[in-house]
Amino acid sequence: RMGIGSRITIYAEGKLGDTAALLGCREIATGYGYASGQPASAHFGLGNASMVDVEVILPHGKGKLTYKGVTANQMLKVKQ
């Protein structure tokens, strides 16, 4: 639920999977300590990039989702 355990990786546009074009990586988690919590979301600062490629690796071996040509300055809701 809520994507907890998913790993989101952002690449420069047209370079999905190219480690040299990696812009950022986050894992969705909601708590790291006693009585603490964070929203189940990942925020990326893209600098001057206006479009990126996104890879989402789902937890528990449920597969991988890819999105190419995603525009900046938006919230992307990922559904399995």
N, C-alpha and C. Protein backbone atom coordinates (compact mmCIF):
# COMPACT_ATOMS: atom_id res chain seq x y z
N ARG A 1 0.82 -1.19 0.00
CA ARG A 1 0.00 0.00 0.00
C ARG A 1 0.86 1.25 0.00
N MET A 2 0.36 2.28 -0.64
CA MET A 2 1.00 3.60 -0.70
C MET A 2 2.40 3.55 -1.29
N GLY A 3 2.78 2.46 -1.90
CA GLY A 3 4.09 2.37 -2.54
C GLY A 3 5.26 2.20 -1.58
N ILE A 4 4.97 1.90 -0.32
CA ILE A 4 6.04 1.77 0.65
C ILE A 4 6.97 0.64 0.23
N GLY A 5 8.25 0.94 0.19
CA GLY A 5 9.26 -0.01 -0.26
C GLY A 5 9.63 0.14 -1.72
N SER A 6 8.89 0.97 -2.46
CA SER A 6 9.22 1.21 -3.87
C SER A 6 10.46 2.07 -3.97
N ARG A 7 11.21 1.88 -5.04
CA ARG A 7 12.41 2.67 -5.28
C ARG A 7 12.22 3.44 -6.58
N ILE A 8 12.32 4.76 -6.52
CA ILE A 8 12.12 5.63 -7.67
C ILE A 8 13.46 6.17 -8.12
N THR A 9 13.76 6.01 -9.40
CA THR A 9 15.02 6.49 -9.95
C THR A 9 14.71 7.42 -11.12
N ILE A 10 15.38 8.58 -11.15
CA ILE A 10 15.15 9.60 -12.17
C ILE A 10 16.40 9.72 -13.05
N TYR A 11 16.19 9.71 -14.37
CA TYR A 11 17.28 9.83 -15.34
C TYR A 11 17.02 11.01 -16.27
N ALA A 12 18.07 11.53 -16.87
CA ALA A 12 17.91 12.56 -17.90
C ALA A 12 17.04 11.99 -19.02
N GLU A 13 16.30 12.87 -19.68
CA GLU A 13 15.38 12.43 -20.73
C GLU A 13 16.09 11.63 -21.81
N GLY A 14 15.49 10.48 -22.16
CA GLY A 14 16.03 9.62 -23.21
C GLY A 14 17.17 8.73 -22.76
N LYS A 15 17.49 8.72 -21.46
CA LYS A 15 18.63 7.94 -20.98
C LYS A 15 18.24 6.98 -19.85
N LEU A 16 17.04 6.45 -19.93
CA LEU A 16 16.54 5.53 -18.92
C LEU A 16 17.50 4.36 -18.74
N GLY A 17 17.94 4.12 -17.51
CA GLY A 17 18.84 3.02 -17.20
C GLY A 17 20.32 3.33 -17.32
N ASP A 18 20.66 4.50 -17.85
CA ASP A 18 22.07 4.89 -18.01
C ASP A 18 22.56 5.52 -16.71
N THR A 19 23.43 4.83 -15.99
CA THR A 19 23.88 5.32 -14.68
C THR A 19 24.61 6.65 -14.78
N ALA A 20 25.21 6.96 -15.92
CA ALA A 20 25.89 8.24 -16.09
C ALA A 20 24.88 9.40 -16.15
N ALA A 21 23.61 9.10 -16.48
CA ALA A 21 22.58 10.13 -16.60
C ALA A 21 21.65 10.16 -15.38
N LEU A 22 22.04 9.50 -14.31
CA LEU A 22 21.23 9.43 -13.10
C LEU A 22 21.11 10.81 -12.46
N LEU A 23 19.87 11.25 -12.18
CA LEU A 23 19.63 12.54 -11.54
C LEU A 23 19.24 12.39 -10.07
N GLY A 24 18.65 11.26 -9.70
CA GLY A 24 18.27 11.06 -8.31
C GLY A 24 17.60 9.73 -8.09
N CYS A 25 17.60 9.30 -6.82
CA CYS A 25 17.00 8.03 -6.44
C CYS A 25 16.43 8.16 -5.03
N ARG A 26 15.23 7.67 -4.81
CA ARG A 26 14.60 7.70 -3.50
C ARG A 26 13.84 6.40 -3.26
N GLU A 27 13.75 6.02 -2.00
CA GLU A 27 12.93 4.87 -1.61
C GLU A 27 11.80 5.39 -0.75
N ILE A 28 10.60 4.87 -0.99
CA ILE A 28 9.43 5.31 -0.23
C ILE A 28 9.40 4.58 1.11
N ALA A 29 9.43 5.35 2.18
CA ALA A 29 9.34 4.83 3.54
C ALA A 29 8.57 5.86 4.37
N THR A 30 7.90 5.43 5.40
CA THR A 30 7.10 6.37 6.17
C THR A 30 7.58 6.60 7.59
N GLY A 31 8.55 5.85 8.07
CA GLY A 31 9.02 6.08 9.42
C GLY A 31 10.43 5.57 9.64
N TYR A 32 11.21 6.32 10.40
CA TYR A 32 12.59 5.93 10.67
C TYR A 32 12.91 5.93 12.16
N GLY A 33 11.94 6.06 13.00
CA GLY A 33 12.22 6.09 14.42
C GLY A 33 10.94 6.06 15.23
N TYR A 34 11.09 6.07 16.52
CA TYR A 34 9.95 6.00 17.41
C TYR A 34 9.02 7.19 17.20
N ALA A 35 7.75 6.92 16.96
CA ALA A 35 6.69 7.93 16.82
C ALA A 35 7.00 8.96 15.74
N SER A 36 7.68 8.55 14.69
CA SER A 36 7.98 9.48 13.60
C SER A 36 7.31 9.00 12.32
N GLY A 37 7.18 9.88 11.38
CA GLY A 37 6.59 9.50 10.11
C GLY A 37 6.80 10.58 9.07
N GLN A 38 6.80 10.17 7.82
CA GLN A 38 6.93 11.06 6.69
C GLN A 38 5.85 10.69 5.68
N PRO A 39 5.51 11.62 4.80
CA PRO A 39 4.55 11.28 3.75
C PRO A 39 5.13 10.23 2.81
N ALA A 40 4.28 9.40 2.26
CA ALA A 40 4.72 8.35 1.32
C ALA A 40 4.86 8.96 -0.07
N SER A 41 5.88 9.82 -0.23
CA SER A 41 6.12 10.47 -1.51
C SER A 41 7.62 10.71 -1.68
N ALA A 42 8.02 10.99 -2.91
CA ALA A 42 9.41 11.31 -3.21
C ALA A 42 9.44 12.61 -3.99
N HIS A 43 10.27 13.54 -3.58
CA HIS A 43 10.41 14.83 -4.25
C HIS A 43 11.81 14.93 -4.84
N PHE A 44 11.89 15.38 -6.09
CA PHE A 44 13.17 15.52 -6.76
C PHE A 44 13.35 16.93 -7.28
N GLY A 45 14.49 17.53 -7.01
CA GLY A 45 14.85 18.80 -7.62
C GLY A 45 15.58 18.49 -8.92
N LEU A 46 15.09 19.00 -10.04
CA LEU A 46 15.62 18.62 -11.34
C LEU A 46 16.55 19.66 -11.95
N GLY A 47 16.78 20.76 -11.25
CA GLY A 47 17.64 21.81 -11.81
C GLY A 47 17.06 22.37 -13.08
N ASN A 48 17.83 22.37 -14.16
CA ASN A 48 17.38 22.93 -15.44
C ASN A 48 16.64 21.92 -16.31
N ALA A 49 16.56 20.68 -15.89
CA ALA A 49 15.90 19.65 -16.70
C ALA A 49 14.41 19.93 -16.80
N SER A 50 13.87 19.90 -18.00
CA SER A 50 12.44 20.12 -18.19
C SER A 50 11.67 18.81 -18.38
N MET A 51 12.39 17.75 -18.76
CA MET A 51 11.79 16.43 -18.91
C MET A 51 12.76 15.38 -18.41
N VAL A 52 12.23 14.28 -17.86
CA VAL A 52 13.04 13.20 -17.34
C VAL A 52 12.39 11.85 -17.65
N ASP A 53 13.15 10.79 -17.45
CA ASP A 53 12.63 9.43 -17.50
C ASP A 53 12.60 8.90 -16.07
N VAL A 54 11.54 8.17 -15.74
CA VAL A 54 11.33 7.69 -14.37
C VAL A 54 11.23 6.17 -14.37
N GLU A 55 11.91 5.54 -13.43
CA GLU A 55 11.82 4.10 -13.24
C GLU A 55 11.36 3.85 -11.81
N VAL A 56 10.33 3.04 -11.64
CA VAL A 56 9.82 2.68 -10.31
C VAL A 56 9.96 1.17 -10.16
N ILE A 57 10.76 0.76 -9.18
CA ILE A 57 10.91 -0.67 -8.89
C ILE A 57 9.99 -0.96 -7.70
N LEU A 58 9.01 -1.80 -7.92
CA LEU A 58 8.02 -2.12 -6.91
C LEU A 58 8.58 -3.11 -5.89
N PRO A 59 8.11 -3.04 -4.65
CA PRO A 59 8.62 -3.94 -3.62
C PRO A 59 8.13 -5.38 -3.80
N HIS A 60 8.79 -6.29 -3.12
CA HIS A 60 8.40 -7.70 -3.07
C HIS A 60 8.39 -8.37 -4.44
N GLY A 61 9.27 -7.94 -5.34
CA GLY A 61 9.39 -8.56 -6.65
C GLY A 61 8.17 -8.39 -7.53
N LYS A 62 7.40 -7.32 -7.33
CA LYS A 62 6.16 -7.10 -8.10
C LYS A 62 6.40 -6.45 -9.45
N GLY A 63 7.67 -6.22 -9.81
CA GLY A 63 7.96 -5.71 -11.14
C GLY A 63 8.51 -4.30 -11.16
N LYS A 64 8.47 -3.72 -12.36
CA LYS A 64 9.05 -2.40 -12.59
C LYS A 64 8.15 -1.61 -13.52
N LEU A 65 8.00 -0.32 -13.25
CA LEU A 65 7.24 0.58 -14.10
C LEU A 65 8.20 1.62 -14.66
N THR A 66 8.04 1.98 -15.93
CA THR A 66 8.88 3.02 -16.51
C THR A 66 8.00 4.07 -17.18
N TYR A 67 8.44 5.32 -17.06
CA TYR A 67 7.75 6.45 -17.67
C TYR A 67 8.80 7.28 -18.39
N LYS A 68 8.60 7.51 -19.68
CA LYS A 68 9.55 8.28 -20.47
C LYS A 68 8.97 9.64 -20.81
N GLY A 69 9.83 10.66 -20.82
CA GLY A 69 9.41 12.00 -21.19
C GLY A 69 8.45 12.65 -20.21
N VAL A 70 8.68 12.46 -18.93
CA VAL A 70 7.83 13.06 -17.90
C VAL A 70 8.24 14.52 -17.72
N THR A 71 7.29 15.44 -17.79
CA THR A 71 7.61 16.86 -17.65
C THR A 71 7.84 17.24 -16.20
N ALA A 72 8.67 18.24 -15.99
CA ALA A 72 9.00 18.74 -14.66
C ALA A 72 7.82 19.54 -14.08
N ASN A 73 7.92 19.90 -12.81
CA ASN A 73 6.95 20.74 -12.11
C ASN A 73 5.55 20.13 -12.07
N GLN A 74 5.49 18.86 -11.74
CA GLN A 74 4.19 18.21 -11.59
C GLN A 74 4.31 17.10 -10.56
N MET A 75 3.17 16.63 -10.08
CA MET A 75 3.13 15.46 -9.22
C MET A 75 2.68 14.29 -10.07
N LEU A 76 3.46 13.24 -10.04
CA LEU A 76 3.16 12.05 -10.81
C LEU A 76 2.64 10.99 -9.85
N LYS A 77 1.40 10.58 -10.03
CA LYS A 77 0.82 9.55 -9.19
C LYS A 77 1.02 8.21 -9.90
N VAL A 78 1.72 7.32 -9.25
CA VAL A 78 2.05 6.02 -9.85
C VAL A 78 1.07 4.99 -9.36
N LYS A 79 0.47 4.28 -10.33
CA LYS A 79 -0.47 3.20 -10.00
C LYS A 79 0.03 1.93 -10.63
N GLN A 80 -0.11 0.86 -9.88
CA GLN A 80 0.31 -0.45 -10.36
C GLN A 80 -0.76 -1.07 -11.18
